[in-house]
Structures are given as structure tokens and as C-alpha cells.
Amino acid sequence: MTKADLVDAIFEKVGLSKKEAQDIIEILFDTIKQTFKEGESIKISGFGTFNVRKKLARRGRNPKTGEDLEISPRRVVTFSVSNQLKHEIEKLDV
């Protein structure tokens, strides 16, 4: 699913214009990005939690050349699915 698909879904289900739906999606994603930049988590009840996690520097290896290298420290976003969504997805496997 793409951003455009989300805009179309809001347009069809809520009845807003496509421009208004697009503005809402842009505001939502801008807010999420800003929250991640601040290092905060986002918890969406019934869906899951997005966490910003710090990874320390570590030694790595270039798989092509075998050369050792240093992987710099960085922040990554992780997602933990809620139990409610997990159970809904498990029902689909039947």
C-alpha cells in the first residue's frame, strides 16, 4: 500500500476531497517523523508500538571484499505488533 492508496481509502470511506485526504496523510507522516527525530515512541492502541532504538558502533565486514570496517552508531525504528493485531493476523492463516 502506498501513500496514494491511503489517500484514496480516506477519500472513499470518509468522503473528504482528495486534497483534504492528502493533507491529512502528510500531516500524519510529518508528525510521526518529528516524533522519531525527537527519539520518542509512538503507541497506536490495537495496532502496535514504534520505538526509536540506538545501535552502538560495531565491527563489520564487507561481504564482497571481506574487508573489516567500522559500522557507525545510529538510531533505528523498530515495530512491535499489538496482541490484538497479532491475533487478527493469525486468524487469516486458517
PDB file of N, CA and C in Angstrom:
ATOM      1  N   MET A   1       0.851  -1.172   0.000  1.00  0.00           N
ATOM      2  CA  MET A   1       0.000   0.000   0.000  1.00  0.00           C
ATOM      3  C   MET A   1       0.895   1.233   0.000  1.00  0.00           C
ATOM      4  N   THR A   2       0.530   2.213  -0.796  1.00  0.00           N
ATOM      5  CA  THR A   2       1.305   3.447  -0.903  1.00  0.00           C
ATOM      6  C   THR A   2       0.551   4.599  -0.253  1.00  0.00           C
ATOM      7  N   LYS A   3       1.214   5.756  -0.181  1.00  0.00           N
ATOM      8  CA  LYS A   3       0.559   6.955   0.343  1.00  0.00           C
ATOM      9  C   LYS A   3      -0.675   7.295  -0.483  1.00  0.00           C
ATOM     10  N   ALA A   4      -0.555   7.148  -1.789  1.00  0.00           N
ATOM     11  CA  ALA A   4      -1.692   7.435  -2.674  1.00  0.00           C
ATOM     12  C   ALA A   4      -2.864   6.497  -2.383  1.00  0.00           C
ATOM     13  N   ASP A   5      -2.573   5.242  -2.070  1.00  0.00           N
ATOM     14  CA  ASP A   5      -3.625   4.287  -1.709  1.00  0.00           C
ATOM     15  C   ASP A   5      -4.322   4.708  -0.417  1.00  0.00           C
ATOM     16  N   LEU A   6      -3.548   5.207   0.541  1.00  0.00           N
ATOM     17  CA  LEU A   6      -4.133   5.696   1.785  1.00  0.00           C
ATOM     18  C   LEU A   6      -5.045   6.897   1.531  1.00  0.00           C
ATOM     19  N   VAL A   7      -4.593   7.801   0.670  1.00  0.00           N
ATOM     20  CA  VAL A   7      -5.408   8.969   0.317  1.00  0.00           C
ATOM     21  C   VAL A   7      -6.719   8.512  -0.311  1.00  0.00           C
ATOM     22  N   ASP A   8      -6.639   7.550  -1.228  1.00  0.00           N
ATOM     23  CA  ASP A   8      -7.846   7.034  -1.882  1.00  0.00           C
ATOM     24  C   ASP A   8      -8.791   6.390  -0.871  1.00  0.00           C
ATOM     25  N   ALA A   9      -8.251   5.652   0.097  1.00  0.00           N
ATOM     26  CA  ALA A   9      -9.081   4.995   1.098  1.00  0.00           C
ATOM     27  C   ALA A   9      -9.813   6.024   1.953  1.00  0.00           C
ATOM     28  N   ILE A  10      -9.118   7.083   2.356  1.00  0.00           N
ATOM     29  CA  ILE A  10      -9.757   8.138   3.146  1.00  0.00           C
ATOM     30  C   ILE A  10     -10.804   8.853   2.302  1.00  0.00           C
ATOM     31  N   PHE A  11     -10.480   9.102   1.057  1.00  0.00           N
ATOM     32  CA  PHE A  11     -11.417   9.755   0.138  1.00  0.00           C
ATOM     33  C   PHE A  11     -12.715   8.953   0.024  1.00  0.00           C
ATOM     34  N   GLU A  12     -12.583   7.635  -0.140  1.00  0.00           N
ATOM     35  CA  GLU A  12     -13.758   6.781  -0.338  1.00  0.00           C
ATOM     36  C   GLU A  12     -14.542   6.547   0.957  1.00  0.00           C
ATOM     37  N   LYS A  13     -13.836   6.327   2.070  1.00  0.00           N
ATOM     38  CA  LYS A  13     -14.521   5.949   3.309  1.00  0.00           C
ATOM     39  C   LYS A  13     -15.040   7.135   4.109  1.00  0.00           C
ATOM     40  N   VAL A  14     -14.323   8.252   4.093  1.00  0.00           N
ATOM     41  CA  VAL A  14     -14.705   9.385   4.921  1.00  0.00           C
ATOM     42  C   VAL A  14     -15.479  10.429   4.118  1.00  0.00           C
ATOM     43  N   GLY A  15     -15.185  10.511   2.830  1.00  0.00           N
ATOM     44  CA  GLY A  15     -15.894  11.465   1.995  1.00  0.00           C
ATOM     45  C   GLY A  15     -15.219  12.818   1.884  1.00  0.00           C
ATOM     46  N   LEU A  16     -13.988  12.919   2.378  1.00  0.00           N
ATOM     47  CA  LEU A  16     -13.239  14.161   2.202  1.00  0.00           C
ATOM     48  C   LEU A  16     -12.761  14.261   0.765  1.00  0.00           C
ATOM     49  N   SER A  17     -12.416  15.459   0.329  1.00  0.00           N
ATOM     50  CA  SER A  17     -11.841  15.603  -1.005  1.00  0.00           C
ATOM     51  C   SER A  17     -10.467  14.950  -1.007  1.00  0.00           C
ATOM     52  N   LYS A  18      -9.965  14.636  -2.194  1.00  0.00           N
ATOM     53  CA  LYS A  18      -8.646  14.003  -2.269  1.00  0.00           C
ATOM     54  C   LYS A  18      -7.566  14.933  -1.727  1.00  0.00           C
ATOM     55  N   LYS A  19      -7.720  16.236  -1.956  1.00  0.00           N
ATOM     56  CA  LYS A  19      -6.743  17.209  -1.457  1.00  0.00           C
ATOM     57  C   LYS A  19      -6.738  17.217   0.069  1.00  0.00           C
ATOM     58  N   GLU A  20      -7.929  17.209   0.692  1.00  0.00           N
ATOM     59  CA  GLU A  20      -8.014  17.184   2.151  1.00  0.00           C
ATOM     60  C   GLU A  20      -7.442  15.879   2.706  1.00  0.00           C
ATOM     61  N   ALA A  21      -7.746  14.768   2.056  1.00  0.00           N
ATOM     62  CA  ALA A  21      -7.220  13.468   2.483  1.00  0.00           C
ATOM     63  C   ALA A  21      -5.701  13.455   2.381  1.00  0.00           C
ATOM     64  N   GLN A  22      -5.170  14.011   1.298  1.00  0.00           N
ATOM     65  CA  GLN A  22      -3.720  14.060   1.117  1.00  0.00           C
ATOM     66  C   GLN A  22      -3.078  14.937   2.195  1.00  0.00           C
ATOM     67  N   ASP A  23      -3.714  16.069   2.516  1.00  0.00           N
ATOM     68  CA  ASP A  23      -3.189  16.952   3.562  1.00  0.00           C
ATOM     69  C   ASP A  23      -3.146  16.237   4.910  1.00  0.00           C
ATOM     70  N   ILE A  24      -4.187  15.472   5.221  1.00  0.00           N
ATOM     71  CA  ILE A  24      -4.234  14.725   6.481  1.00  0.00           C
ATOM     72  C   ILE A  24      -3.103  13.701   6.536  1.00  0.00           C
ATOM     73  N   ILE A  25      -2.904  12.961   5.455  1.00  0.00           N
ATOM     74  CA  ILE A  25      -1.828  11.957   5.404  1.00  0.00           C
ATOM     75  C   ILE A  25      -0.466  12.633   5.570  1.00  0.00           C
ATOM     76  N   GLU A  26      -0.245  13.752   4.898  1.00  0.00           N
ATOM     77  CA  GLU A  26       1.031  14.468   5.000  1.00  0.00           C
ATOM     78  C   GLU A  26       1.268  14.954   6.428  1.00  0.00           C
ATOM     79  N   ILE A  27       0.232  15.516   7.065  1.00  0.00           N
ATOM     80  CA  ILE A  27       0.355  15.975   8.451  1.00  0.00           C
ATOM     81  C   ILE A  27       0.669  14.802   9.371  1.00  0.00           C
ATOM     82  N   LEU A  28      -0.012  13.685   9.166  1.00  0.00           N
ATOM     83  CA  LEU A  28       0.218  12.494   9.982  1.00  0.00           C
ATOM     84  C   LEU A  28       1.664  12.018   9.875  1.00  0.00           C
ATOM     85  N   PHE A  29       2.160  11.879   8.654  1.00  0.00           N
ATOM     86  CA  PHE A  29       3.525  11.386   8.478  1.00  0.00           C
ATOM     87  C   PHE A  29       4.564  12.398   8.946  1.00  0.00           C
ATOM     88  N   ASP A  30       4.302  13.691   8.764  1.00  0.00           N
ATOM     89  CA  ASP A  30       5.231  14.704   9.267  1.00  0.00           C
ATOM     90  C   ASP A  30       5.315  14.648  10.792  1.00  0.00           C
ATOM     91  N   THR A  31       4.165  14.434  11.441  1.00  0.00           N
ATOM     92  CA  THR A  31       4.129  14.327  12.897  1.00  0.00           C
ATOM     93  C   THR A  31       4.890  13.086  13.364  1.00  0.00           C
ATOM     94  N   ILE A  32       4.705  11.973  12.666  1.00  0.00           N
ATOM     95  CA  ILE A  32       5.421  10.740  13.004  1.00  0.00           C
ATOM     96  C   ILE A  32       6.928  10.937  12.845  1.00  0.00           C
ATOM     97  N   LYS A  33       7.344  11.553  11.737  1.00  0.00           N
ATOM     98  CA  LYS A  33       8.771  11.793  11.507  1.00  0.00           C
ATOM     99  C   LYS A  33       9.366  12.673  12.597  1.00  0.00           C
ATOM    100  N   GLN A  34       8.650  13.735  12.972  1.00  0.00           N
ATOM    101  CA  GLN A  34       9.145  14.645  14.003  1.00  0.00           C
ATOM    102  C   GLN A  34       9.266  13.919  15.338  1.00  0.00           C
ATOM    103  N   THR A  35       8.302  13.073  15.649  1.00  0.00           N
ATOM    104  CA  THR A  35       8.337  12.302  16.895  1.00  0.00           C
ATOM    105  C   THR A  35       9.559  11.388  16.920  1.00  0.00           C
ATOM    106  N   PHE A  36       9.860  10.733  15.795  1.00  0.00           N
ATOM    107  CA  PHE A  36      11.044   9.872  15.720  1.00  0.00           C
ATOM    108  C   PHE A  36      12.326  10.692  15.868  1.00  0.00           C
ATOM    109  N   LYS A  37      12.375  11.869  15.244  1.00  0.00           N
ATOM    110  CA  LYS A  37      13.563  12.720  15.357  1.00  0.00           C
ATOM    111  C   LYS A  37      13.834  13.101  16.802  1.00  0.00           C
ATOM    112  N   GLU A  38      12.765  13.263  17.586  1.00  0.00           N
ATOM    113  CA  GLU A  38      12.900  13.607  18.993  1.00  0.00           C
ATOM    114  C   GLU A  38      13.226  12.389  19.851  1.00  0.00           C
ATOM    115  N   GLY A  39      13.267  11.212  19.236  1.00  0.00           N
ATOM    116  CA  GLY A  39      13.624   9.987  19.944  1.00  0.00           C
ATOM    117  C   GLY A  39      12.486   9.375  20.736  1.00  0.00           C
ATOM    118  N   GLU A  40      11.264   9.808  20.477  1.00  0.00           N
ATOM    119  CA  GLU A  40      10.114   9.304  21.218  1.00  0.00           C
ATOM    120  C   GLU A  40       9.472   8.114  20.509  1.00  0.00           C
ATOM    121  N   SER A  41       8.713   7.328  21.281  1.00  0.00           N
ATOM    122  CA  SER A  41       7.983   6.187  20.743  1.00  0.00           C
ATOM    123  C   SER A  41       6.583   6.608  20.338  1.00  0.00           C
ATOM    124  N   ILE A  42       5.968   5.815  19.477  1.00  0.00           N
ATOM    125  CA  ILE A  42       4.584   6.032  19.073  1.00  0.00           C
ATOM    126  C   ILE A  42       3.832   4.742  19.349  1.00  0.00           C
ATOM    127  N   LYS A  43       2.801   4.831  20.201  1.00  0.00           N
ATOM    128  CA  LYS A  43       1.981   3.669  20.519  1.00  0.00           C
ATOM    129  C   LYS A  43       0.588   3.895  19.949  1.00  0.00           C
ATOM    130  N   ILE A  44       0.158   2.989  19.087  1.00  0.00           N
ATOM    131  CA  ILE A  44      -1.168   3.056  18.490  1.00  0.00           C
ATOM    132  C   ILE A  44      -1.950   1.862  19.026  1.00  0.00           C
ATOM    133  N   SER A  45      -2.914   2.155  19.883  1.00  0.00           N
ATOM    134  CA  SER A  45      -3.690   1.114  20.549  1.00  0.00           C
ATOM    135  C   SER A  45      -4.346   0.192  19.529  1.00  0.00           C
ATOM    136  N   GLY A  46      -4.214  -1.117  19.742  1.00  0.00           N
ATOM    137  CA  GLY A  46      -4.795  -2.101  18.842  1.00  0.00           C
ATOM    138  C   GLY A  46      -3.982  -2.349  17.581  1.00  0.00           C
ATOM    139  N   PHE A  47      -2.861  -1.635  17.429  1.00  0.00           N
ATOM    140  CA  PHE A  47      -2.025  -1.786  16.235  1.00  0.00           C
ATOM    141  C   PHE A  47      -0.613  -2.195  16.613  1.00  0.00           C
ATOM    142  N   GLY A  48       0.062  -1.350  17.408  1.00  0.00           N
ATOM    143  CA  GLY A  48       1.416  -1.685  17.817  1.00  0.00           C
ATOM    144  C   GLY A  48       2.179  -0.467  18.277  1.00  0.00           C
ATOM    145  N   THR A  49       3.471  -0.658  18.544  1.00  0.00           N
ATOM    146  CA  THR A  49       4.335   0.405  19.048  1.00  0.00           C
ATOM    147  C   THR A  49       5.572   0.525  18.168  1.00  0.00           C
ATOM    148  N   PHE A  50       5.876   1.761  17.779  1.00  0.00           N
ATOM    149  CA  PHE A  50       7.102   2.078  17.055  1.00  0.00           C
ATOM    150  C   PHE A  50       8.069   2.670  18.075  1.00  0.00           C
ATOM    151  N   ASN A  51       9.261   2.096  18.177  1.00  0.00           N
ATOM    152  CA  ASN A  51      10.283   2.579  19.101  1.00  0.00           C
ATOM    153  C   ASN A  51      11.511   3.031  18.336  1.00  0.00           C
ATOM    154  N   VAL A  52      12.154   4.090  18.838  1.00  0.00           N
ATOM    155  CA  VAL A  52      13.437   4.513  18.295  1.00  0.00           C
ATOM    156  C   VAL A  52      14.498   3.913  19.203  1.00  0.00           C
ATOM    157  N   ARG A  53      15.424   3.169  18.605  1.00  0.00           N
ATOM    158  CA  ARG A  53      16.429   2.454  19.374  1.00  0.00           C
ATOM    159  C   ARG A  53      17.815   2.885  18.903  1.00  0.00           C
ATOM    160  N   LYS A  54      18.720   3.059  19.844  1.00  0.00           N
ATOM    161  CA  LYS A  54      20.099   3.416  19.496  1.00  0.00           C
ATOM    162  C   LYS A  54      20.905   2.141  19.318  1.00  0.00           C
ATOM    163  N   LYS A  55      21.623   2.065  18.220  1.00  0.00           N
ATOM    164  CA  LYS A  55      22.536   0.944  17.991  1.00  0.00           C
ATOM    165  C   LYS A  55      23.957   1.471  18.153  1.00  0.00           C
ATOM    166  N   LEU A  56      24.754   0.745  18.891  1.00  0.00           N
ATOM    167  CA  LEU A  56      26.132   1.142  19.127  1.00  0.00           C
ATOM    168  C   LEU A  56      26.993   0.846  17.901  1.00  0.00           C
ATOM    169  N   ALA A  57      28.150   1.483  17.864  1.00  0.00           N
ATOM    170  CA  ALA A  57      29.119   1.198  16.803  1.00  0.00           C
ATOM    171  C   ALA A  57      29.582  -0.245  16.947  1.00  0.00           C
ATOM    172  N   ARG A  58      29.866  -0.858  15.816  1.00  0.00           N
ATOM    173  CA  ARG A  58      30.332  -2.245  15.871  1.00  0.00           C
ATOM    174  C   ARG A  58      31.204  -2.533  14.672  1.00  0.00           C
ATOM    175  N   ARG A  59      31.921  -3.640  14.783  1.00  0.00           N
ATOM    176  CA  ARG A  59      32.788  -4.057  13.678  1.00  0.00           C
ATOM    177  C   ARG A  59      31.956  -4.877  12.705  1.00  0.00           C
ATOM    178  N   GLY A  60      32.191  -4.677  11.434  1.00  0.00           N
ATOM    179  CA  GLY A  60      31.502  -5.420  10.404  1.00  0.00           C
ATOM    180  C   GLY A  60      32.473  -5.867   9.344  1.00  0.00           C
ATOM    181  N   ARG A  61      31.923  -6.475   8.305  1.00  0.00           N
ATOM    182  CA  ARG A  61      32.775  -6.971   7.226  1.00  0.00           C
ATOM    183  C   ARG A  61      32.038  -6.775   5.917  1.00  0.00           C
ATOM    184  N   ASN A  62      32.738  -6.262   4.923  1.00  0.00           N
ATOM    185  CA  ASN A  62      32.181  -6.131   3.584  1.00  0.00           C
ATOM    186  C   ASN A  62      32.094  -7.536   2.987  1.00  0.00           C
ATOM    187  N   PRO A  63      30.883  -8.027   2.698  1.00  0.00           N
ATOM    188  CA  PRO A  63      30.758  -9.402   2.219  1.00  0.00           C
ATOM    189  C   PRO A  63      31.400  -9.632   0.849  1.00  0.00           C
ATOM    190  N   LYS A  64      31.528  -8.575   0.079  1.00  0.00           N
ATOM    191  CA  LYS A  64      32.118  -8.721  -1.262  1.00  0.00           C
ATOM    192  C   LYS A  64      33.631  -8.871  -1.193  1.00  0.00           C
ATOM    193  N   THR A  65      34.266  -7.996  -0.390  1.00  0.00           N
ATOM    194  CA  THR A  65      35.728  -7.975  -0.347  1.00  0.00           C
ATOM    195  C   THR A  65      36.304  -8.672   0.879  1.00  0.00           C
ATOM    196  N   GLY A  66      35.490  -8.887   1.901  1.00  0.00           N
ATOM    197  CA  GLY A  66      35.985  -9.485   3.135  1.00  0.00           C
ATOM    198  C   GLY A  66      36.697  -8.485   4.027  1.00  0.00           C
ATOM    199  N   GLU A  67      36.735  -7.210   3.599  1.00  0.00           N
ATOM    200  CA  GLU A  67      37.428  -6.172   4.340  1.00  0.00           C
ATOM    201  C   GLU A  67      36.673  -5.826   5.637  1.00  0.00           C
ATOM    202  N   ASP A  68      37.436  -5.712   6.753  1.00  0.00           N
ATOM    203  CA  ASP A  68      36.840  -5.295   8.022  1.00  0.00           C
ATOM    204  C   ASP A  68      36.559  -3.804   7.971  1.00  0.00           C
ATOM    205  N   LEU A  69      35.456  -3.412   8.627  1.00  0.00           N
ATOM    206  CA  LEU A  69      35.122  -1.994   8.689  1.00  0.00           C
ATOM    207  C   LEU A  69      34.348  -1.690   9.950  1.00  0.00           C
ATOM    208  N   GLU A  70      34.248  -0.421  10.270  1.00  0.00           N
ATOM    209  CA  GLU A  70      33.522   0.039  11.456  1.00  0.00           C
ATOM    210  C   GLU A  70      32.138   0.505  11.017  1.00  0.00           C
ATOM    211  N   ILE A  71      31.085  -0.060  11.628  1.00  0.00           N
ATOM    212  CA  ILE A  71      29.720   0.382  11.363  1.00  0.00           C
ATOM    213  C   ILE A  71      29.404   1.431  12.418  1.00  0.00           C
ATOM    214  N   SER A  72      29.063   2.621  11.961  1.00  0.00           N
ATOM    215  CA  SER A  72      28.875   3.743  12.874  1.00  0.00           C
ATOM    216  C   SER A  72      27.610   3.584  13.723  1.00  0.00           C
ATOM    217  N   PRO A  73      27.580   4.258  14.891  1.00  0.00           N
ATOM    218  CA  PRO A  73      26.369   4.202  15.705  1.00  0.00           C
ATOM    219  C   PRO A  73      25.230   4.922  14.988  1.00  0.00           C
ATOM    220  N   ARG A  74      24.011   4.470  15.237  1.00  0.00           N
ATOM    221  CA  ARG A  74      22.872   5.087  14.559  1.00  0.00           C
ATOM    222  C   ARG A  74      21.604   4.792  15.332  1.00  0.00           C
ATOM    223  N   ARG A  75      20.537   5.463  14.940  1.00  0.00           N
ATOM    224  CA  ARG A  75      19.232   5.207  15.532  1.00  0.00           C
ATOM    225  C   ARG A  75      18.372   4.512  14.482  1.00  0.00           C
ATOM    226  N   VAL A  76      17.620   3.517  14.934  1.00  0.00           N
ATOM    227  CA  VAL A  76      16.735   2.772  14.039  1.00  0.00           C
ATOM    228  C   VAL A  76      15.338   2.726  14.642  1.00  0.00           C
ATOM    229  N   VAL A  77      14.346   2.556  13.787  1.00  0.00           N
ATOM    230  CA  VAL A  77      12.963   2.433  14.241  1.00  0.00           C
ATOM    231  C   VAL A  77      12.596   0.954  14.213  1.00  0.00           C
ATOM    232  N   THR A  78      12.036   0.475  15.333  1.00  0.00           N
ATOM    233  CA  THR A  78      11.563  -0.904  15.406  1.00  0.00           C
ATOM    234  C   THR A  78      10.055  -0.882  15.628  1.00  0.00           C
ATOM    235  N   PHE A  79       9.394  -1.971  15.276  1.00  0.00           N
ATOM    236  CA  PHE A  79       7.949  -2.064  15.442  1.00  0.00           C
ATOM    237  C   PHE A  79       7.615  -3.337  16.190  1.00  0.00           C
ATOM    238  N   SER A  80       6.763  -3.197  17.201  1.00  0.00           N
ATOM    239  CA  SER A  80       6.246  -4.349  17.938  1.00  0.00           C
ATOM    240  C   SER A  80       4.741  -4.375  17.731  1.00  0.00           C
ATOM    241  N   VAL A  81       4.243  -5.460  17.169  1.00  0.00           N
ATOM    242  CA  VAL A  81       2.815  -5.579  16.885  1.00  0.00           C
ATOM    243  C   VAL A  81       2.040  -5.795  18.179  1.00  0.00           C
ATOM    244  N   SER A  82       0.825  -5.237  18.271  1.00  0.00           N
ATOM    245  CA  SER A  82      -0.005  -5.440  19.460  1.00  0.00           C
ATOM    246  C   SER A  82      -0.576  -6.851  19.439  1.00  0.00           C
ATOM    247  N   ASN A  83      -0.931  -7.354  20.618  1.00  0.00           N
ATOM    248  CA  ASN A  83      -1.521  -8.691  20.700  1.00  0.00           C
ATOM    249  C   ASN A  83      -2.829  -8.766  19.916  1.00  0.00           C
ATOM    250  N   GLN A  84      -3.612  -7.694  19.967  1.00  0.00           N
ATOM    251  CA  GLN A  84      -4.886  -7.663  19.253  1.00  0.00           C
ATOM    252  C   GLN A  84      -4.672  -7.845  17.744  1.00  0.00           C
ATOM    253  N   LEU A  85      -3.744  -7.090  17.172  1.00  0.00           N
ATOM    254  CA  LEU A  85      -3.480  -7.211  15.728  1.00  0.00           C
ATOM    255  C   LEU A  85      -2.856  -8.570  15.411  1.00  0.00           C
ATOM    256  N   LYS A  86      -1.984  -9.044  16.290  1.00  0.00           N
ATOM    257  CA  LYS A  86      -1.347 -10.353  16.093  1.00  0.00           C
ATOM    258  C   LYS A  86      -2.404 -11.450  15.983  1.00  0.00           C
ATOM    259  N   HIS A  87      -3.412 -11.406  16.866  1.00  0.00           N
ATOM    260  CA  HIS A  87      -4.466 -12.414  16.837  1.00  0.00           C
ATOM    261  C   HIS A  87      -5.326 -12.292  15.570  1.00  0.00           C
ATOM    262  N   GLU A  88      -5.581 -11.075  15.124  1.00  0.00           N
ATOM    263  CA  GLU A  88      -6.344 -10.881  13.890  1.00  0.00           C
ATOM    264  C   GLU A  88      -5.594 -11.430  12.683  1.00  0.00           C
ATOM    265  N   ILE A  89      -4.284 -11.250  12.665  1.00  0.00           N
ATOM    266  CA  ILE A  89      -3.477 -11.753  11.546  1.00  0.00           C
ATOM    267  C   ILE A  89      -3.415 -13.275  11.592  1.00  0.00           C
ATOM    268  N   GLU A  90      -3.304 -13.841  12.791  1.00  0.00           N
ATOM    269  CA  GLU A  90      -3.241 -15.287  12.936  1.00  0.00           C
ATOM    270  C   GLU A  90      -4.532 -15.941  12.444  1.00  0.00           C
ATOM    271  N   LYS A  91      -5.672 -15.292  12.620  1.00  0.00           N
ATOM    272  CA  LYS A  91      -6.949 -15.825  12.148  1.00  0.00           C
ATOM    273  C   LYS A  91      -6.964 -15.970  10.630  1.00  0.00           C
ATOM    274  N   LEU A  92      -6.223 -15.128   9.931  1.00  0.00           N
ATOM    275  CA  LEU A  92      -6.192 -15.155   8.474  1.00  0.00           C
ATOM    276  C   LEU A  92      -5.429 -16.356   7.922  1.00  0.00           C
ATOM    277  N   ASP A  93      -4.582 -16.967   8.734  1.00  0.00           N
ATOM    278  CA  ASP A  93      -3.759 -18.097   8.274  1.00  0.00           C
ATOM    279  C   ASP A  93      -4.553 -19.375   8.113  1.00  0.00           C
ATOM    280  N   VAL A  94      -5.762 -19.430   8.600  1.00  0.00           N
ATOM    281  CA  VAL A  94      -6.549 -20.663   8.590  1.00  0.00           C
ATOM    282  C   VAL A  94      -6.957 -21.038   7.213  1.00  0.00           C
TER     283      VAL A  94
END
